[in-house]
């Protein structure tokens, strides 16, 4: 049906943004962790763990641990289950702003 086709197109339109945001956030968390000597878990959920570890001592200004988990679950929904991702009431643009903030913070850490 045309409605089902439109829904499938919308899901496919979220695949690349979800993947790109997840990769960018993971790289930013990894860079900040490295700059602070925090061991990194190489598993795909590692950036969430690093985000939590770096929040406690005040290295990160906000809790970035939630966003990698959210993006990981969104990716599972879109890629593996063919469903619309549950973004916990956020838009991809909202999430992109959070990721941008994390990347900017990582860049600042790298220039110190």
C-alpha atoms as a PDB file:
ATOM      1  CA  UNK A   1       0.000   0.000   0.000  1.00  0.00           C
ATOM      2  CA  UNK A   2       1.148   3.595  -0.518  1.00  0.00           C
ATOM      3  CA  UNK A   3       0.968   4.298   3.240  1.00  0.00           C
ATOM      4  CA  UNK A   4       3.205   1.332   4.087  1.00  0.00           C
ATOM      5  CA  UNK A   5       5.640   2.346   1.366  1.00  0.00           C
ATOM      6  CA  UNK A   6       5.784   5.877   2.781  1.00  0.00           C
ATOM      7  CA  UNK A   7       6.488   4.535   6.274  1.00  0.00           C
ATOM      8  CA  UNK A   8       9.284   2.342   4.945  1.00  0.00           C
ATOM      9  CA  UNK A   9      10.789   5.343   3.142  1.00  0.00           C
ATOM     10  CA  UNK A  10      10.634   7.386   6.354  1.00  0.00           C
ATOM     11  CA  UNK A  11      12.437   4.629   8.294  1.00  0.00           C
ATOM     12  CA  UNK A  12      15.119   4.387   5.607  1.00  0.00           C
ATOM     13  CA  UNK A  13      15.499   8.152   5.870  1.00  0.00           C
ATOM     14  CA  UNK A  14      16.443   7.707   9.548  1.00  0.00           C
ATOM     15  CA  UNK A  15      19.023   4.966   9.024  1.00  0.00           C
ATOM     16  CA  UNK A  16      21.952   7.134   7.961  1.00  0.00           C
ATOM     17  CA  UNK A  17      21.338   9.938  10.486  1.00  0.00           C
ATOM     18  CA  UNK A  18      21.061   7.441  13.346  1.00  0.00           C
ATOM     19  CA  UNK A  19      24.232   5.673  12.271  1.00  0.00           C
ATOM     20  CA  UNK A  20      26.179   8.889  11.675  1.00  0.00           C
ATOM     21  CA  UNK A  21      25.159  10.395  15.010  1.00  0.00           C
ATOM     22  CA  UNK A  22      26.026   7.193  16.858  1.00  0.00           C
ATOM     23  CA  UNK A  23      29.478   7.003  15.262  1.00  0.00           C
ATOM     24  CA  UNK A  24      30.212  10.706  15.863  1.00  0.00           C
ATOM     25  CA  UNK A  25      29.190  10.507  19.514  1.00  0.00           C
ATOM     26  CA  UNK A  26      31.192   7.337  20.063  1.00  0.00           C
ATOM     27  CA  UNK A  27      34.282   8.954  18.577  1.00  0.00           C
ATOM     28  CA  UNK A  28      33.845  12.088  20.688  1.00  0.00           C
ATOM     29  CA  UNK A  29      33.426  10.092  23.903  1.00  0.00           C
ATOM     30  CA  UNK A  30      36.445   7.991  22.966  1.00  0.00           C
ATOM     31  CA  UNK A  31      38.601  11.060  22.353  1.00  0.00           C
ATOM     32  CA  UNK A  32      37.617  12.646  25.668  1.00  0.00           C
ATOM     33  CA  UNK A  33      38.220   9.353  27.485  1.00  0.00           C
ATOM     34  CA  UNK A  34      41.652   9.044  25.925  1.00  0.00           C
ATOM     35  CA  UNK A  35      42.531  12.609  26.899  1.00  0.00           C
ATOM     36  CA  UNK A  36      41.646  11.769  30.525  1.00  0.00           C
ATOM     37  CA  UNK A  37      43.238   8.338  30.668  1.00  0.00           C
ATOM     38  CA  UNK A  38      39.919   6.518  31.013  1.00  0.00           C
ATOM     39  CA  UNK A  39      39.961   2.970  29.696  1.00  0.00           C
ATOM     40  CA  UNK A  40      37.568   2.436  26.838  1.00  0.00           C
ATOM     41  CA  UNK A  41      35.359  -0.537  26.207  1.00  0.00           C
ATOM     42  CA  UNK A  42      35.693  -1.343  22.524  1.00  0.00           C
ATOM     43  CA  UNK A  43      32.207  -2.860  22.411  1.00  0.00           C
ATOM     44  CA  UNK A  44      29.503  -0.854  20.685  1.00  0.00           C
ATOM     45  CA  UNK A  45      27.967   0.172  24.014  1.00  0.00           C
ATOM     46  CA  UNK A  46      31.307   1.436  25.323  1.00  0.00           C
ATOM     47  CA  UNK A  47      30.663   5.126  24.640  1.00  0.00           C
ATOM     48  CA  UNK A  48      27.727   5.079  27.063  1.00  0.00           C
ATOM     49  CA  UNK A  49      29.931   3.603  29.785  1.00  0.00           C
ATOM     50  CA  UNK A  50      32.654   6.162  29.087  1.00  0.00           C
ATOM     51  CA  UNK A  51      30.083   8.954  29.151  1.00  0.00           C
ATOM     52  CA  UNK A  52      28.963   7.889  32.617  1.00  0.00           C
ATOM     53  CA  UNK A  53      32.542   7.555  33.903  1.00  0.00           C
ATOM     54  CA  UNK A  54      33.489  11.022  32.673  1.00  0.00           C
ATOM     55  CA  UNK A  55      30.384  12.712  34.069  1.00  0.00           C
ATOM     56  CA  UNK A  56      31.128  11.742  37.676  1.00  0.00           C
ATOM     57  CA  UNK A  57      34.442  13.616  38.017  1.00  0.00           C
ATOM     58  CA  UNK A  58      33.035  16.612  36.144  1.00  0.00           C
ATOM     59  CA  UNK A  59      34.987  16.074  32.933  1.00  0.00           C
ATOM     60  CA  UNK A  60      31.831  16.228  30.827  1.00  0.00           C
ATOM     61  CA  UNK A  61      29.385  19.086  31.321  1.00  0.00           C
ATOM     62  CA  UNK A  62      26.303  16.932  30.673  1.00  0.00           C
ATOM     63  CA  UNK A  63      25.489  13.247  30.761  1.00  0.00           C
ATOM     64  CA  UNK A  64      26.271  11.937  27.300  1.00  0.00           C
ATOM     65  CA  UNK A  65      25.657   8.365  28.444  1.00  0.00           C
ATOM     66  CA  UNK A  66      21.955   8.554  27.611  1.00  0.00           C
ATOM     67  CA  UNK A  67      22.407   9.532  23.967  1.00  0.00           C
ATOM     68  CA  UNK A  68      24.605   6.595  22.850  1.00  0.00           C
ATOM     69  CA  UNK A  69      22.127   4.177  24.422  1.00  0.00           C
ATOM     70  CA  UNK A  70      19.249   5.983  22.721  1.00  0.00           C
ATOM     71  CA  UNK A  71      21.017   5.921  19.345  1.00  0.00           C
ATOM     72  CA  UNK A  72      21.977   2.271  19.779  1.00  0.00           C
ATOM     73  CA  UNK A  73      18.359   1.318  20.424  1.00  0.00           C
ATOM     74  CA  UNK A  74      17.187   3.532  17.543  1.00  0.00           C
ATOM     75  CA  UNK A  75      19.655   1.824  15.231  1.00  0.00           C
ATOM     76  CA  UNK A  76      18.397  -1.610  16.268  1.00  0.00           C
ATOM     77  CA  UNK A  77      14.815  -0.556  15.573  1.00  0.00           C
ATOM     78  CA  UNK A  78      15.580   0.952  12.177  1.00  0.00           C
ATOM     79  CA  UNK A  79      18.153  -1.511  10.852  1.00  0.00           C
ATOM     80  CA  UNK A  80      17.190  -4.861  12.346  1.00  0.00           C
ATOM     81  CA  UNK A  81      13.511  -4.611  13.159  1.00  0.00           C
ATOM     82  CA  UNK A  82      12.379  -2.265  10.380  1.00  0.00           C
ATOM     83  CA  UNK A  83      10.506  -0.128  12.876  1.00  0.00           C
ATOM     84  CA  UNK A  84      10.381   3.546  13.680  1.00  0.00           C
ATOM     85  CA  UNK A  85      12.918   4.329  16.390  1.00  0.00           C
ATOM     86  CA  UNK A  86      11.770   5.400  19.852  1.00  0.00           C
ATOM     87  CA  UNK A  87      13.677   8.637  20.368  1.00  0.00           C
ATOM     88  CA  UNK A  88      12.178   9.267  23.825  1.00  0.00           C
ATOM     89  CA  UNK A  89      10.267  12.300  22.628  1.00  0.00           C
ATOM     90  CA  UNK A  90      13.278  13.881  20.927  1.00  0.00           C
ATOM     91  CA  UNK A  91      13.767  14.610  17.261  1.00  0.00           C
ATOM     92  CA  UNK A  92      16.872  13.626  15.344  1.00  0.00           C
ATOM     93  CA  UNK A  93      17.681  17.348  15.289  1.00  0.00           C
ATOM     94  CA  UNK A  94      17.582  17.453  19.119  1.00  0.00           C
ATOM     95  CA  UNK A  95      19.889  14.476  19.295  1.00  0.00           C
ATOM     96  CA  UNK A  96      22.179  16.000  16.672  1.00  0.00           C
ATOM     97  CA  UNK A  97      22.566  19.103  18.861  1.00  0.00           C
ATOM     98  CA  UNK A  98      23.609  16.921  21.797  1.00  0.00           C
ATOM     99  CA  UNK A  99      26.093  15.063  19.616  1.00  0.00           C
ATOM    100  CA  UNK A 100      27.418  18.354  18.247  1.00  0.00           C
ATOM    101  CA  UNK A 101      27.977  19.536  21.810  1.00  0.00           C
ATOM    102  CA  UNK A 102      29.916  16.357  22.626  1.00  0.00           C
ATOM    103  CA  UNK A 103      32.044  16.705  19.489  1.00  0.00           C
ATOM    104  CA  UNK A 104      32.791  20.348  20.290  1.00  0.00           C
ATOM    105  CA  UNK A 105      33.799  19.369  23.819  1.00  0.00           C
ATOM    106  CA  UNK A 106      36.102  16.669  22.439  1.00  0.00           C
ATOM    107  CA  UNK A 107      37.654  19.205  20.057  1.00  0.00           C
ATOM    108  CA  UNK A 108      38.293  21.583  22.969  1.00  0.00           C
ATOM    109  CA  UNK A 109      39.942  18.756  24.915  1.00  0.00           C
ATOM    110  CA  UNK A 110      42.165  17.947  21.946  1.00  0.00           C
ATOM    111  CA  UNK A 111      43.442  21.518  21.647  1.00  0.00           C
ATOM    112  CA  UNK A 112      44.517  21.781  25.300  1.00  0.00           C
END
